[in-house]
Amino acid sequence: MGGQYEPHHDFYETRASLKNAPLHLQDTGDRIATFMFYLNDVKAGGATVFPNINIRVPPVKNGAAFWYNFKPSGQHEMDTQHAGCPVLLGEKWVANKWIREFGQMFRRKCKLSENSLETD
């Protein structure tokens, strides 16, 4: 009982803070968008809330939420500040997919063959 996340943004506050990211993510840039999937129903509590825009997303199995972390101008979208409310009864399982600025196509090259599992 009680798992929660305090209010936060998914973008990095500064370019310099990207250097604190795991090494394998440092060249992929910032998180320009977030896709959050709910993997189970929660008996009580556990909503994700966006306090700046007064939105509450209930944790419903197979549900999802998507948002852009940047404005079209490239500025941080401050209204994406969000938090995970405490789970009062049961468990909450989520999966996040962060869409980043840069791809991995040059760091992890793919073979031309459809059947190839090699990455060199």
N, C-alpha and C. Protein backbone atom coordinates (compact mmCIF):
# COMPACT_ATOMS: atom_id res chain seq x y z
N MET A 1 0.83 -1.18 0.00
CA MET A 1 0.00 0.00 0.00
C MET A 1 0.88 1.25 0.00
N GLY A 2 0.40 2.30 -0.68
CA GLY A 2 1.03 3.60 -0.56
C GLY A 2 2.00 3.99 -1.64
N GLY A 3 2.27 3.13 -2.64
CA GLY A 3 3.20 3.53 -3.70
C GLY A 3 2.71 4.77 -4.42
N GLN A 4 3.60 5.72 -4.64
CA GLN A 4 3.21 6.95 -5.31
C GLN A 4 4.43 7.61 -5.92
N TYR A 5 4.20 8.54 -6.84
CA TYR A 5 5.26 9.37 -7.40
C TYR A 5 4.91 10.82 -7.14
N GLU A 6 5.86 11.57 -6.67
CA GLU A 6 5.67 13.00 -6.44
C GLU A 6 5.56 13.72 -7.79
N PRO A 7 5.00 14.93 -7.81
CA PRO A 7 4.88 15.67 -9.07
C PRO A 7 6.24 15.86 -9.75
N HIS A 8 6.26 15.63 -11.06
CA HIS A 8 7.50 15.72 -11.83
C HIS A 8 7.17 15.90 -13.32
N HIS A 9 8.18 16.23 -14.08
CA HIS A 9 8.10 16.27 -15.54
C HIS A 9 8.95 15.13 -16.08
N ASP A 10 8.63 14.66 -17.28
CA ASP A 10 9.43 13.60 -17.89
C ASP A 10 10.61 14.14 -18.70
N PHE A 11 10.63 15.43 -19.00
CA PHE A 11 11.77 15.99 -19.73
C PHE A 11 12.91 16.28 -18.75
N TYR A 12 14.10 16.42 -19.31
CA TYR A 12 15.26 16.82 -18.50
C TYR A 12 15.23 18.34 -18.36
N GLU A 13 15.48 18.82 -17.16
CA GLU A 13 15.40 20.27 -16.91
C GLU A 13 16.39 21.06 -17.76
N THR A 14 17.60 20.52 -17.93
CA THR A 14 18.63 21.19 -18.74
C THR A 14 19.34 20.15 -19.59
N ARG A 15 20.00 20.63 -20.65
CA ARG A 15 20.82 19.73 -21.49
C ARG A 15 21.92 19.08 -20.65
N ALA A 16 22.48 19.83 -19.73
CA ALA A 16 23.56 19.31 -18.89
C ALA A 16 23.09 18.12 -18.05
N SER A 17 21.81 18.11 -17.65
CA SER A 17 21.32 17.01 -16.82
C SER A 17 21.22 15.70 -17.59
N LEU A 18 21.25 15.75 -18.94
CA LEU A 18 21.28 14.52 -19.73
C LEU A 18 22.54 13.70 -19.43
N LYS A 19 23.59 14.37 -18.98
CA LYS A 19 24.84 13.67 -18.66
C LYS A 19 24.68 12.75 -17.46
N ASN A 20 23.61 12.95 -16.67
CA ASN A 20 23.34 12.08 -15.53
C ASN A 20 22.51 10.86 -15.93
N ALA A 21 22.05 10.83 -17.17
CA ALA A 21 21.28 9.69 -17.66
C ALA A 21 22.22 8.50 -17.85
N PRO A 22 21.68 7.27 -17.87
CA PRO A 22 22.53 6.11 -18.14
C PRO A 22 23.28 6.30 -19.46
N LEU A 23 24.49 5.80 -19.53
CA LEU A 23 25.36 6.00 -20.69
C LEU A 23 24.68 5.64 -22.01
N HIS A 24 23.93 4.53 -22.03
CA HIS A 24 23.32 4.10 -23.28
C HIS A 24 22.19 5.02 -23.74
N LEU A 25 21.75 5.96 -22.90
CA LEU A 25 20.69 6.89 -23.27
C LEU A 25 21.19 8.30 -23.56
N GLN A 26 22.44 8.58 -23.25
CA GLN A 26 22.93 9.95 -23.35
C GLN A 26 22.88 10.51 -24.77
N ASP A 27 23.05 9.70 -25.77
CA ASP A 27 23.03 10.17 -27.16
C ASP A 27 21.65 10.12 -27.79
N THR A 28 20.63 9.73 -27.02
CA THR A 28 19.29 9.64 -27.59
C THR A 28 18.47 10.91 -27.36
N GLY A 29 19.00 11.86 -26.61
CA GLY A 29 18.34 13.14 -26.41
C GLY A 29 17.24 13.08 -25.36
N ASP A 30 16.47 14.13 -25.36
CA ASP A 30 15.43 14.29 -24.34
C ASP A 30 14.20 13.45 -24.68
N ARG A 31 13.32 13.34 -23.71
CA ARG A 31 12.05 12.63 -23.89
C ARG A 31 11.03 13.61 -24.44
N ILE A 32 10.77 13.54 -25.75
CA ILE A 32 9.86 14.51 -26.34
C ILE A 32 8.39 14.16 -26.12
N ALA A 33 8.12 12.89 -25.86
CA ALA A 33 6.74 12.47 -25.59
C ALA A 33 6.76 11.26 -24.67
N THR A 34 5.63 11.05 -24.00
CA THR A 34 5.47 9.93 -23.07
C THR A 34 4.21 9.16 -23.43
N PHE A 35 4.33 7.84 -23.44
CA PHE A 35 3.20 6.94 -23.63
C PHE A 35 3.19 6.03 -22.41
N MET A 36 2.18 6.14 -21.56
CA MET A 36 2.10 5.35 -20.32
C MET A 36 0.93 4.38 -20.42
N PHE A 37 1.21 3.10 -20.22
CA PHE A 37 0.22 2.04 -20.32
C PHE A 37 -0.10 1.50 -18.93
N TYR A 38 -1.37 1.28 -18.65
CA TYR A 38 -1.79 0.66 -17.40
C TYR A 38 -1.92 -0.84 -17.63
N LEU A 39 -1.23 -1.61 -16.82
CA LEU A 39 -1.17 -3.06 -17.02
C LEU A 39 -2.16 -3.83 -16.15
N ASN A 40 -2.78 -3.16 -15.20
CA ASN A 40 -3.76 -3.85 -14.35
C ASN A 40 -4.78 -2.84 -13.80
N ASP A 41 -5.87 -3.36 -13.30
CA ASP A 41 -6.84 -2.52 -12.60
C ASP A 41 -6.35 -2.33 -11.16
N VAL A 42 -6.63 -1.19 -10.59
CA VAL A 42 -6.29 -0.90 -9.20
C VAL A 42 -7.59 -0.83 -8.42
N LYS A 43 -7.64 -1.50 -7.30
CA LYS A 43 -8.88 -1.55 -6.52
C LYS A 43 -9.26 -0.20 -5.94
N ALA A 44 -8.27 0.57 -5.48
CA ALA A 44 -8.56 1.91 -4.94
C ALA A 44 -7.30 2.77 -5.04
N GLY A 45 -7.49 4.02 -5.49
CA GLY A 45 -6.38 4.96 -5.61
C GLY A 45 -5.57 4.71 -6.88
N GLY A 46 -4.38 5.32 -6.92
CA GLY A 46 -3.43 5.06 -7.99
C GLY A 46 -3.60 5.86 -9.27
N ALA A 47 -4.48 6.84 -9.28
CA ALA A 47 -4.66 7.64 -10.49
C ALA A 47 -3.39 8.43 -10.81
N THR A 48 -3.23 8.78 -12.06
CA THR A 48 -2.18 9.71 -12.47
C THR A 48 -2.86 11.06 -12.65
N VAL A 49 -2.31 12.08 -12.01
CA VAL A 49 -2.94 13.40 -12.08
C VAL A 49 -1.98 14.42 -12.68
N PHE A 50 -2.57 15.35 -13.42
CA PHE A 50 -1.86 16.48 -14.00
C PHE A 50 -2.42 17.73 -13.33
N PRO A 51 -1.81 18.19 -12.22
CA PRO A 51 -2.40 19.25 -11.41
C PRO A 51 -2.52 20.60 -12.12
N ASN A 52 -1.62 20.90 -13.04
CA ASN A 52 -1.67 22.21 -13.71
C ASN A 52 -2.85 22.34 -14.64
N ILE A 53 -3.38 21.22 -15.11
CA ILE A 53 -4.50 21.27 -16.05
C ILE A 53 -5.73 20.52 -15.52
N ASN A 54 -5.67 20.14 -14.25
CA ASN A 54 -6.81 19.52 -13.56
C ASN A 54 -7.33 18.28 -14.29
N ILE A 55 -6.41 17.39 -14.65
CA ILE A 55 -6.78 16.13 -15.32
C ILE A 55 -6.37 14.97 -14.43
N ARG A 56 -7.26 13.99 -14.34
CA ARG A 56 -7.03 12.77 -13.57
C ARG A 56 -7.25 11.59 -14.51
N VAL A 57 -6.24 10.71 -14.60
CA VAL A 57 -6.34 9.52 -15.45
C VAL A 57 -6.44 8.31 -14.52
N PRO A 58 -7.59 7.63 -14.50
CA PRO A 58 -7.73 6.48 -13.60
C PRO A 58 -6.93 5.28 -14.12
N PRO A 59 -6.40 4.47 -13.22
CA PRO A 59 -5.63 3.30 -13.63
C PRO A 59 -6.56 2.14 -14.01
N VAL A 60 -6.81 2.01 -15.30
CA VAL A 60 -7.70 0.97 -15.82
C VAL A 60 -6.89 0.05 -16.71
N LYS A 61 -6.97 -1.24 -16.48
CA LYS A 61 -6.21 -2.21 -17.26
C LYS A 61 -6.43 -1.98 -18.76
N ASN A 62 -5.34 -2.00 -19.51
CA ASN A 62 -5.30 -1.79 -20.96
C ASN A 62 -5.54 -0.33 -21.35
N GLY A 63 -5.65 0.55 -20.38
CA GLY A 63 -5.77 1.98 -20.67
C GLY A 63 -4.39 2.57 -20.93
N ALA A 64 -4.36 3.76 -21.49
CA ALA A 64 -3.09 4.42 -21.77
C ALA A 64 -3.28 5.92 -21.75
N ALA A 65 -2.19 6.62 -21.53
CA ALA A 65 -2.17 8.08 -21.62
C ALA A 65 -0.96 8.47 -22.46
N PHE A 66 -1.14 9.49 -23.29
CA PHE A 66 -0.06 9.99 -24.15
C PHE A 66 0.00 11.50 -24.00
N TRP A 67 1.24 12.03 -23.93
CA TRP A 67 1.39 13.48 -23.92
C TRP A 67 2.75 13.86 -24.48
N TYR A 68 2.78 15.07 -25.06
CA TYR A 68 4.03 15.67 -25.53
C TYR A 68 4.66 16.44 -24.38
N ASN A 69 5.96 16.31 -24.21
CA ASN A 69 6.68 16.99 -23.15
C ASN A 69 7.22 18.35 -23.58
N PHE A 70 7.08 18.66 -24.88
CA PHE A 70 7.55 19.93 -25.43
C PHE A 70 6.45 20.59 -26.24
N LYS A 71 6.48 21.89 -26.27
CA LYS A 71 5.60 22.65 -27.15
C LYS A 71 6.16 22.59 -28.56
N PRO A 72 5.36 22.90 -29.59
CA PRO A 72 5.89 22.94 -30.95
C PRO A 72 7.09 23.88 -31.12
N SER A 73 7.19 24.89 -30.25
CA SER A 73 8.31 25.83 -30.29
C SER A 73 9.61 25.22 -29.78
N GLY A 74 9.52 24.06 -29.12
CA GLY A 74 10.70 23.43 -28.52
C GLY A 74 10.85 23.74 -27.04
N GLN A 75 10.00 24.60 -26.51
CA GLN A 75 10.05 24.90 -25.08
C GLN A 75 9.42 23.76 -24.29
N HIS A 76 9.87 23.61 -23.05
CA HIS A 76 9.26 22.61 -22.16
C HIS A 76 7.77 22.88 -22.00
N GLU A 77 6.98 21.83 -21.99
CA GLU A 77 5.54 21.94 -21.74
C GLU A 77 5.33 21.74 -20.24
N MET A 78 5.26 22.84 -19.52
CA MET A 78 5.18 22.78 -18.05
C MET A 78 3.87 22.15 -17.57
N ASP A 79 2.83 22.18 -18.38
CA ASP A 79 1.55 21.59 -17.98
C ASP A 79 1.57 20.07 -17.95
N THR A 80 2.68 19.46 -18.36
CA THR A 80 2.77 18.00 -18.29
C THR A 80 3.27 17.51 -16.94
N GLN A 81 3.43 18.42 -15.99
CA GLN A 81 3.79 17.96 -14.64
C GLN A 81 2.70 16.98 -14.18
N HIS A 82 3.13 15.84 -13.69
CA HIS A 82 2.18 14.81 -13.29
C HIS A 82 2.69 14.07 -12.06
N ALA A 83 1.77 13.34 -11.44
CA ALA A 83 2.11 12.59 -10.23
C ALA A 83 1.26 11.33 -10.18
N GLY A 84 1.78 10.33 -9.50
CA GLY A 84 1.03 9.11 -9.25
C GLY A 84 0.45 9.15 -7.85
N CYS A 85 -0.87 9.16 -7.76
CA CYS A 85 -1.52 9.17 -6.45
C CYS A 85 -1.27 7.85 -5.72
N PRO A 86 -1.33 7.87 -4.40
CA PRO A 86 -1.09 6.64 -3.64
C PRO A 86 -2.09 5.53 -4.00
N VAL A 87 -1.57 4.32 -4.09
CA VAL A 87 -2.43 3.14 -4.25
C VAL A 87 -2.97 2.81 -2.86
N LEU A 88 -4.26 2.82 -2.72
CA LEU A 88 -4.89 2.58 -1.41
C LEU A 88 -5.20 1.12 -1.17
N LEU A 89 -5.49 0.41 -2.28
CA LEU A 89 -5.82 -1.00 -2.17
C LEU A 89 -5.42 -1.69 -3.47
N GLY A 90 -4.58 -2.71 -3.36
CA GLY A 90 -4.13 -3.44 -4.53
C GLY A 90 -2.75 -2.99 -4.99
N GLU A 91 -2.46 -3.22 -6.25
CA GLU A 91 -1.18 -2.88 -6.85
C GLU A 91 -1.42 -2.09 -8.13
N LYS A 92 -0.41 -1.32 -8.52
CA LYS A 92 -0.48 -0.58 -9.77
C LYS A 92 0.76 -0.93 -10.59
N TRP A 93 0.53 -1.42 -11.81
CA TRP A 93 1.61 -1.76 -12.72
C TRP A 93 1.44 -0.92 -13.98
N VAL A 94 2.50 -0.20 -14.34
CA VAL A 94 2.49 0.60 -15.57
C VAL A 94 3.75 0.29 -16.38
N ALA A 95 3.67 0.61 -17.66
CA ALA A 95 4.84 0.55 -18.54
C ALA A 95 4.90 1.89 -19.27
N ASN A 96 6.08 2.47 -19.32
CA ASN A 96 6.27 3.74 -20.03
C ASN A 96 7.11 3.53 -21.27
N LYS A 97 6.73 4.21 -22.34
CA LYS A 97 7.56 4.29 -23.54
C LYS A 97 7.84 5.76 -23.75
N TRP A 98 9.10 6.14 -23.65
CA TRP A 98 9.48 7.52 -23.89
C TRP A 98 9.99 7.64 -25.30
N ILE A 99 9.42 8.56 -26.06
CA ILE A 99 9.86 8.84 -27.41
C ILE A 99 10.91 9.93 -27.29
N ARG A 100 12.09 9.62 -27.78
CA ARG A 100 13.23 10.52 -27.60
C ARG A 100 13.54 11.31 -28.87
N GLU A 101 14.39 12.31 -28.70
CA GLU A 101 14.75 13.19 -29.81
C GLU A 101 15.46 12.46 -30.94
N PHE A 102 16.37 11.60 -30.60
CA PHE A 102 17.21 10.97 -31.62
C PHE A 102 17.02 9.46 -31.59
N GLY A 103 17.05 8.87 -32.76
CA GLY A 103 16.91 7.42 -32.86
C GLY A 103 18.23 6.71 -32.62
N GLN A 104 18.19 5.41 -32.75
CA GLN A 104 19.38 4.58 -32.57
C GLN A 104 19.89 4.01 -33.88
N MET A 105 19.36 4.46 -35.01
CA MET A 105 19.66 3.82 -36.28
C MET A 105 21.13 3.84 -36.64
N PHE A 106 21.90 4.77 -36.10
CA PHE A 106 23.32 4.80 -36.39
C PHE A 106 24.15 4.15 -35.30
N ARG A 107 23.59 4.03 -34.11
CA ARG A 107 24.29 3.37 -33.01
C ARG A 107 24.04 1.88 -33.01
N ARG A 108 22.88 1.45 -33.46
CA ARG A 108 22.49 0.04 -33.48
C ARG A 108 21.94 -0.26 -34.86
N LYS A 109 22.86 -0.40 -35.80
CA LYS A 109 22.47 -0.58 -37.20
C LYS A 109 21.84 -1.95 -37.43
N CYS A 110 20.89 -1.98 -38.33
CA CYS A 110 20.20 -3.22 -38.66
C CYS A 110 20.71 -3.77 -40.00
N LYS A 111 20.73 -5.08 -40.12
CA LYS A 111 21.07 -5.72 -41.38
C LYS A 111 19.96 -5.49 -42.39
N LEU A 112 20.28 -5.64 -43.64
CA LEU A 112 19.28 -5.47 -44.67
C LEU A 112 18.38 -6.69 -44.82
N SER A 113 18.87 -7.85 -44.39
CA SER A 113 18.09 -9.08 -44.51
C SER A 113 16.98 -9.11 -43.47
N GLU A 114 15.76 -9.46 -43.88
CA GLU A 114 14.63 -9.54 -42.94
C GLU A 114 14.86 -10.59 -41.86
N ASN A 115 15.58 -11.65 -42.20
CA ASN A 115 15.76 -12.77 -41.27
C ASN A 115 16.97 -12.64 -40.37
N SER A 116 17.73 -11.58 -40.57
CA SER A 116 18.97 -11.42 -39.80
C SER A 116 18.68 -10.90 -38.40
N LEU A 117 19.30 -11.53 -37.42
CA LEU A 117 19.20 -11.05 -36.04
C LEU A 117 20.44 -10.26 -35.65
N GLU A 118 21.43 -10.24 -36.53
CA GLU A 118 22.67 -9.53 -36.24
C GLU A 118 22.45 -8.03 -36.36
N THR A 119 23.24 -7.27 -35.59
CA THR A 119 23.11 -5.82 -35.62
C THR A 119 24.37 -5.13 -36.14
N ASP A 120 25.38 -5.86 -36.52
CA ASP A 120 26.63 -5.23 -37.03
C ASP A 120 26.49 -4.86 -38.48
